[in-house]
Amino acid sequence: MLTTKITFDLADWIREWRKCRNKNPSIDECINFVQWKLEDYKLSDIAKRIIESILICVSE
């Protein structure tokens, strides 16, 4: 389950990724990060869409 803390952690992680690599992570890399934070919890399709939305918002 996505929590506020996880979504903020994801946004911070995306910003750091962009700072270090000068490009955005892929959606799959973002999903892997969240699954790692949730200890390999199976994400729903809705959670994956939320992750994609966070990636888009932070990337702009």
Protein backbone atom coordinates (compact mmCIF):
# COMPACT_ATOMS: atom_id res chain seq x y z
CA MET A 1 0.00 0.00 0.00
CA LEU A 2 1.28 3.45 -0.91
CA THR A 3 1.57 5.77 2.05
CA THR A 4 2.35 9.46 2.16
CA LYS A 5 5.85 8.64 3.40
CA ILE A 6 6.50 6.27 0.48
CA THR A 7 5.25 8.80 -2.08
CA PHE A 8 7.49 11.52 -0.60
CA ASP A 9 10.43 9.07 -0.56
CA LEU A 10 9.75 8.28 -4.22
CA ALA A 11 9.65 11.96 -5.17
CA ASP A 12 12.94 12.58 -3.34
CA TRP A 13 14.50 9.53 -4.97
CA ILE A 14 13.44 10.73 -8.45
CA ARG A 15 14.94 14.17 -7.79
CA GLU A 16 18.24 12.62 -6.66
CA TRP A 17 18.26 10.29 -9.69
CA ARG A 18 17.81 13.28 -12.00
CA LYS A 19 20.55 15.23 -10.20
CA CYS A 20 23.04 12.37 -10.54
CA ARG A 21 22.17 11.10 -14.03
CA ASN A 22 20.67 14.13 -15.78
CA LYS A 23 17.68 12.09 -16.92
CA ASN A 24 14.50 10.66 -15.46
CA PRO A 25 14.28 7.11 -14.16
CA SER A 26 11.95 4.81 -16.06
CA ILE A 27 8.56 3.89 -14.67
CA ASP A 28 9.90 0.36 -14.07
CA GLU A 29 12.77 1.73 -12.00
CA CYS A 30 10.29 3.77 -9.95
CA ILE A 31 8.09 0.71 -9.42
CA ASN A 32 11.14 -1.30 -8.35
CA PHE A 33 12.06 1.41 -5.84
CA VAL A 34 8.58 1.38 -4.29
CA GLN A 35 8.46 -2.42 -4.18
CA TRP A 36 11.86 -2.40 -2.44
CA LYS A 37 10.58 0.17 0.10
CA LEU A 38 7.49 -1.99 0.69
CA GLU A 39 9.60 -5.14 0.97
CA ASP A 40 8.44 -6.69 -2.34
CA TYR A 41 4.74 -5.97 -1.77
CA LYS A 42 2.68 -6.67 -4.93
CA LEU A 43 1.52 -3.31 -6.30
CA SER A 44 -1.95 -2.87 -7.77
CA ASP A 45 -2.53 -1.25 -11.15
CA ILE A 46 -3.86 1.85 -9.38
CA ALA A 47 -0.67 2.11 -7.30
CA LYS A 48 1.40 1.84 -10.50
CA ARG A 49 -0.61 4.68 -12.06
CA ILE A 50 -0.02 6.80 -8.96
CA ILE A 51 3.71 6.09 -9.22
CA GLU A 52 3.64 7.13 -12.86
CA SER A 53 1.81 10.35 -11.91
CA ILE A 54 4.45 11.15 -9.29
CA LEU A 55 7.19 10.58 -11.87
CA ILE A 56 5.48 12.95 -14.30
CA CYS A 57 4.88 15.64 -11.66
CA VAL A 58 8.40 15.55 -10.26
CA SER A 59 9.94 15.48 -13.74
CA GLU A 60 8.38 18.76 -14.85
